[in-house]
Amino acid sequence: MTTSALTLPLDDEMATAALARALAPLLRQGAVLYLKGDLGAGKTTFSRYLLQALGHQGNVKSPTYTLVEPYQLGELTAYHFDLYRLRDPEELEFMGIRDYFSASTLCLIEWPERGYGLLAPADLELQLQLQCGQRTASLTAGNSKAAQWLTQLSGERLA
């Protein structure tokens, strides 16, 4: 049986790093990952740890003002989007948003709701929340491939 949703506690920043390391090998072939959560929830921190787990050696800067930052990770090209400052989803058309999505690219998209209607559907959605002092990561599969990833993750000890 496959898992279509999974919620994990993130006790500290190292737990966020562990989740990113666990997801990295699953996303190495390419995927669309929506990152949701309030300001300060940890979306960019998670992205930094994920890109590092995929082999990026340098700094990971937030693409808040550039909208997208590319990373060449061996055979994999990753694009980190931050749509927080997007005024109109049509701006994505002008930057050729559809060209970024392919079976062999990894697209990490913060604030995907701001690009509604112009983004590829998510393989996986990660919702980061902080409630009553406890941070959680809720993962939701958008397709059967991602459901298999969640089944694998649910059997792992993240540390």
C-alpha atoms as a PDB file:
ATOM      1  CA  MET A   1       0.000   0.000   0.000  1.00  0.00           C
ATOM      2  CA  THR A   2       1.284   3.469  -0.852  1.00  0.00           C
ATOM      3  CA  THR A   3       1.123   6.548   1.341  1.00  0.00           C
ATOM      4  CA  SER A   4      -0.433   9.691  -0.154  1.00  0.00           C
ATOM      5  CA  ALA A   5       0.204  11.953   2.865  1.00  0.00           C
ATOM      6  CA  LEU A   6       2.713  11.987   5.683  1.00  0.00           C
ATOM      7  CA  THR A   7       3.183  14.373   8.620  1.00  0.00           C
ATOM      8  CA  LEU A   8       6.471  14.505  10.483  1.00  0.00           C
ATOM      9  CA  PRO A   9       7.566  16.523  13.521  1.00  0.00           C
ATOM     10  CA  LEU A  10      10.548  18.796  12.970  1.00  0.00           C
ATOM     11  CA  ASP A  11      11.992  19.227  16.450  1.00  0.00           C
ATOM     12  CA  ASP A  12      14.820  21.487  15.310  1.00  0.00           C
ATOM     13  CA  GLU A  13      16.727  22.689  12.266  1.00  0.00           C
ATOM     14  CA  MET A  14      18.673  19.430  12.121  1.00  0.00           C
ATOM     15  CA  ALA A  15      15.377  17.579  11.657  1.00  0.00           C
ATOM     16  CA  THR A  16      14.665  19.822   8.661  1.00  0.00           C
ATOM     17  CA  ALA A  17      18.118  18.944   7.289  1.00  0.00           C
ATOM     18  CA  ALA A  18      17.443  15.232   7.854  1.00  0.00           C
ATOM     19  CA  LEU A  19      14.161  15.434   5.953  1.00  0.00           C
ATOM     20  CA  ALA A  20      15.926  17.171   3.055  1.00  0.00           C
ATOM     21  CA  ARG A  21      18.664  14.488   3.016  1.00  0.00           C
ATOM     22  CA  ALA A  22      16.032  11.736   3.005  1.00  0.00           C
ATOM     23  CA  LEU A  23      14.134  13.327   0.106  1.00  0.00           C
ATOM     24  CA  ALA A  24      17.213  14.162  -1.991  1.00  0.00           C
ATOM     25  CA  PRO A  25      17.791  10.719  -3.558  1.00  0.00           C
ATOM     26  CA  LEU A  26      14.088  10.438  -4.386  1.00  0.00           C
ATOM     27  CA  LEU A  27      14.059  13.791  -6.197  1.00  0.00           C
ATOM     28  CA  ARG A  28      17.348  13.297  -8.060  1.00  0.00           C
ATOM     29  CA  GLN A  29      15.560  12.248 -11.267  1.00  0.00           C
ATOM     30  CA  GLY A  30      13.500  15.446 -11.335  1.00  0.00           C
ATOM     31  CA  ALA A  31      10.248  16.596  -9.769  1.00  0.00           C
ATOM     32  CA  VAL A  32       8.066  19.586  -9.017  1.00  0.00           C
ATOM     33  CA  LEU A  33       7.992  20.333  -5.295  1.00  0.00           C
ATOM     34  CA  TYR A  34       5.630  22.970  -3.914  1.00  0.00           C
ATOM     35  CA  LEU A  35       6.841  24.532  -0.662  1.00  0.00           C
ATOM     36  CA  LYS A  36       4.089  26.079   1.430  1.00  0.00           C
ATOM     37  CA  GLY A  37       4.004  27.786   4.788  1.00  0.00           C
ATOM     38  CA  ASP A  38       3.911  31.173   6.424  1.00  0.00           C
ATOM     39  CA  LEU A  39       6.836  33.597   6.331  1.00  0.00           C
ATOM     40  CA  GLY A  40       9.610  32.137   8.443  1.00  0.00           C
ATOM     41  CA  ALA A  41       8.218  28.598   8.341  1.00  0.00           C
ATOM     42  CA  GLY A  42      11.469  27.209   6.913  1.00  0.00           C
ATOM     43  CA  LYS A  43      10.845  26.893   3.159  1.00  0.00           C
ATOM     44  CA  THR A  44      14.144  28.469   2.122  1.00  0.00           C
ATOM     45  CA  THR A  45      16.030  26.635   4.872  1.00  0.00           C
ATOM     46  CA  PHE A  46      14.607  23.339   3.640  1.00  0.00           C
ATOM     47  CA  SER A  47      15.542  24.265   0.040  1.00  0.00           C
ATOM     48  CA  ARG A  48      19.119  25.060   1.099  1.00  0.00           C
ATOM     49  CA  TYR A  49      19.513  21.693   2.821  1.00  0.00           C
ATOM     50  CA  LEU A  50      17.947  19.852  -0.119  1.00  0.00           C
ATOM     51  CA  LEU A  51      20.219  21.510  -2.691  1.00  0.00           C
ATOM     52  CA  GLN A  52      23.251  20.782  -0.501  1.00  0.00           C
ATOM     53  CA  ALA A  53      22.165  17.149  -0.133  1.00  0.00           C
ATOM     54  CA  LEU A  54      21.987  16.982  -3.936  1.00  0.00           C
ATOM     55  CA  GLY A  55      25.613  18.144  -4.154  1.00  0.00           C
ATOM     56  CA  HIS A  56      25.561  21.951  -4.303  1.00  0.00           C
ATOM     57  CA  GLN A  57      28.721  23.256  -2.617  1.00  0.00           C
ATOM     58  CA  GLY A  58      28.164  27.022  -2.587  1.00  0.00           C
ATOM     59  CA  ASN A  59      25.719  29.338  -0.927  1.00  0.00           C
ATOM     60  CA  VAL A  60      22.023  28.983  -1.572  1.00  0.00           C
ATOM     61  CA  LYS A  61      20.503  32.417  -1.799  1.00  0.00           C
ATOM     62  CA  SER A  62      16.829  33.139  -1.603  1.00  0.00           C
ATOM     63  CA  PRO A  63      15.396  33.985  -5.018  1.00  0.00           C
ATOM     64  CA  THR A  64      12.962  36.483  -3.477  1.00  0.00           C
ATOM     65  CA  TYR A  65      14.018  39.308  -5.791  1.00  0.00           C
ATOM     66  CA  THR A  66      15.139  37.311  -8.846  1.00  0.00           C
ATOM     67  CA  LEU A  67      12.153  34.893  -8.743  1.00  0.00           C
ATOM     68  CA  VAL A  68      14.394  31.957  -9.729  1.00  0.00           C
ATOM     69  CA  GLU A  69      17.912  30.709  -9.020  1.00  0.00           C
ATOM     70  CA  PRO A  70      19.328  27.847 -11.130  1.00  0.00           C
ATOM     71  CA  TYR A  71      21.656  25.128  -9.816  1.00  0.00           C
ATOM     72  CA  GLN A  72      23.529  22.609 -11.941  1.00  0.00           C
ATOM     73  CA  LEU A  73      23.902  19.446  -9.860  1.00  0.00           C
ATOM     74  CA  GLY A  74      25.681  16.993 -12.131  1.00  0.00           C
ATOM     75  CA  GLU A  75      23.081  15.708 -14.580  1.00  0.00           C
ATOM     76  CA  LEU A  76      20.260  17.396 -12.672  1.00  0.00           C
ATOM     77  CA  THR A  77      19.291  21.031 -13.129  1.00  0.00           C
ATOM     78  CA  ALA A  78      17.404  22.446 -10.165  1.00  0.00           C
ATOM     79  CA  TYR A  79      15.442  25.681 -10.165  1.00  0.00           C
ATOM     80  CA  HIS A  80      14.547  27.341  -6.890  1.00  0.00           C
ATOM     81  CA  PHE A  81      11.602  29.717  -7.279  1.00  0.00           C
ATOM     82  CA  ASP A  82      10.306  32.176  -4.707  1.00  0.00           C
ATOM     83  CA  LEU A  83       7.055  33.735  -5.894  1.00  0.00           C
ATOM     84  CA  TYR A  84       6.390  35.764  -2.737  1.00  0.00           C
ATOM     85  CA  ARG A  85       6.940  39.137  -4.454  1.00  0.00           C
ATOM     86  CA  LEU A  86       5.105  38.183  -7.627  1.00  0.00           C
ATOM     87  CA  ARG A  87       2.505  40.856  -8.342  1.00  0.00           C
ATOM     88  CA  ASP A  88       0.694  39.100 -11.179  1.00  0.00           C
ATOM     89  CA  PRO A  89       0.941  35.449 -12.277  1.00  0.00           C
ATOM     90  CA  GLU A  90       1.243  36.684 -15.876  1.00  0.00           C
ATOM     91  CA  GLU A  91       4.797  37.815 -14.999  1.00  0.00           C
ATOM     92  CA  LEU A  92       5.653  34.105 -15.073  1.00  0.00           C
ATOM     93  CA  GLU A  93       4.607  33.926 -18.724  1.00  0.00           C
ATOM     94  CA  PHE A  94       7.077  36.702 -19.565  1.00  0.00           C
ATOM     95  CA  MET A  95       9.922  34.781 -17.960  1.00  0.00           C
ATOM     96  CA  GLY A  96       9.033  31.594 -19.860  1.00  0.00           C
ATOM     97  CA  ILE A  97       7.946  29.618 -16.804  1.00  0.00           C
ATOM     98  CA  ARG A  98       6.801  26.607 -18.811  1.00  0.00           C
ATOM     99  CA  ASP A  99      10.344  26.098 -20.150  1.00  0.00           C
ATOM    100  CA  TYR A 100      11.621  25.304 -16.656  1.00  0.00           C
ATOM    101  CA  PHE A 101       9.437  22.239 -16.228  1.00  0.00           C
ATOM    102  CA  SER A 102      10.663  18.969 -17.703  1.00  0.00           C
ATOM    103  CA  ALA A 103      10.949  15.382 -16.549  1.00  0.00           C
ATOM    104  CA  SER A 104      14.640  15.875 -15.818  1.00  0.00           C
ATOM    105  CA  THR A 105      14.514  19.124 -13.806  1.00  0.00           C
ATOM    106  CA  LEU A 106      13.840  19.694 -10.135  1.00  0.00           C
ATOM    107  CA  CYS A 107      11.663  22.736  -9.491  1.00  0.00           C
ATOM    108  CA  LEU A 108      11.376  23.918  -5.890  1.00  0.00           C
ATOM    109  CA  ILE A 109       8.577  26.479  -5.743  1.00  0.00           C
ATOM    110  CA  GLU A 110       7.986  28.642  -2.691  1.00  0.00           C
ATOM    111  CA  TRP A 111       4.580  30.392  -2.587  1.00  0.00           C
ATOM    112  CA  PRO A 112       3.145  28.348  -5.508  1.00  0.00           C
ATOM    113  CA  GLU A 113      -0.357  29.738  -4.918  1.00  0.00           C
ATOM    114  CA  ARG A 114       0.885  33.058  -6.366  1.00  0.00           C
ATOM    115  CA  GLY A 115       1.521  31.379  -9.708  1.00  0.00           C
ATOM    116  CA  TYR A 116      -1.812  29.601  -9.860  1.00  0.00           C
ATOM    117  CA  GLY A 117      -2.740  28.381 -13.304  1.00  0.00           C
ATOM    118  CA  LEU A 118       0.735  28.784 -14.799  1.00  0.00           C
ATOM    119  CA  LEU A 119       2.770  26.222 -12.851  1.00  0.00           C
ATOM    120  CA  ALA A 120       3.177  22.541 -13.561  1.00  0.00           C
ATOM    121  CA  PRO A 121       1.274  20.413 -11.048  1.00  0.00           C
ATOM    122  CA  ALA A 122       3.221  19.354  -7.986  1.00  0.00           C
ATOM    123  CA  ASP A 123       4.589  15.857  -7.715  1.00  0.00           C
ATOM    124  CA  LEU A 124       4.973  16.560  -4.020  1.00  0.00           C
ATOM    125  CA  GLU A 125       3.728  19.322  -1.746  1.00  0.00           C
ATOM    126  CA  LEU A 126       5.525  20.185   1.479  1.00  0.00           C
ATOM    127  CA  GLN A 127       3.595  22.277   4.012  1.00  0.00           C
ATOM    128  CA  LEU A 128       5.732  23.614   6.871  1.00  0.00           C
ATOM    129  CA  GLN A 129       3.827  24.754   9.947  1.00  0.00           C
ATOM    130  CA  LEU A 130       4.611  26.100  13.369  1.00  0.00           C
ATOM    131  CA  GLN A 131       1.812  25.564  15.881  1.00  0.00           C
ATOM    132  CA  CYS A 132       2.066  25.892  19.633  1.00  0.00           C
ATOM    133  CA  GLY A 133       5.853  25.942  19.391  1.00  0.00           C
ATOM    134  CA  GLN A 134       5.993  22.690  17.386  1.00  0.00           C
ATOM    135  CA  ARG A 135       7.130  22.685  13.753  1.00  0.00           C
ATOM    136  CA  THR A 136       5.739  20.016  11.439  1.00  0.00           C
ATOM    137  CA  ALA A 137       6.233  18.990   7.840  1.00  0.00           C
ATOM    138  CA  SER A 138       3.184  17.672   6.019  1.00  0.00           C
ATOM    139  CA  LEU A 139       3.935  15.998   2.705  1.00  0.00           C
ATOM    140  CA  THR A 140       1.219  15.289   0.157  1.00  0.00           C
ATOM    141  CA  ALA A 141       1.747  13.232  -2.984  1.00  0.00           C
ATOM    142  CA  GLY A 142       0.390  14.607  -6.238  1.00  0.00           C
ATOM    143  CA  ASN A 143       0.788  11.346  -8.147  1.00  0.00           C
ATOM    144  CA  SER A 144       1.591   7.660  -7.695  1.00  0.00           C
ATOM    145  CA  LYS A 145       5.357   8.195  -8.047  1.00  0.00           C
ATOM    146  CA  ALA A 146       5.335  10.652  -5.145  1.00  0.00           C
ATOM    147  CA  ALA A 147       3.089   8.330  -3.123  1.00  0.00           C
ATOM    148  CA  GLN A 148       5.824   5.687  -3.437  1.00  0.00           C
ATOM    149  CA  TRP A 149       8.359   8.243  -2.196  1.00  0.00           C
ATOM    150  CA  LEU A 150       6.211   8.893   0.874  1.00  0.00           C
ATOM    151  CA  THR A 151       5.905   5.160   1.516  1.00  0.00           C
ATOM    152  CA  GLN A 152       9.706   4.944   1.459  1.00  0.00           C
ATOM    153  CA  LEU A 153      10.028   7.964   3.745  1.00  0.00           C
ATOM    154  CA  SER A 154       7.513   6.617   6.242  1.00  0.00           C
ATOM    155  CA  GLY A 155       9.722   3.559   6.743  1.00  0.00           C
ATOM    156  CA  GLU A 156      12.913   5.579   7.324  1.00  0.00           C
ATOM    157  CA  ARG A 157      14.273   6.916  10.542  1.00  0.00           C
ATOM    158  CA  LEU A 158      15.147  10.534   9.858  1.00  0.00           C
ATOM    159  CA  ALA A 159      18.221  11.588  11.744  1.00  0.00           C
END
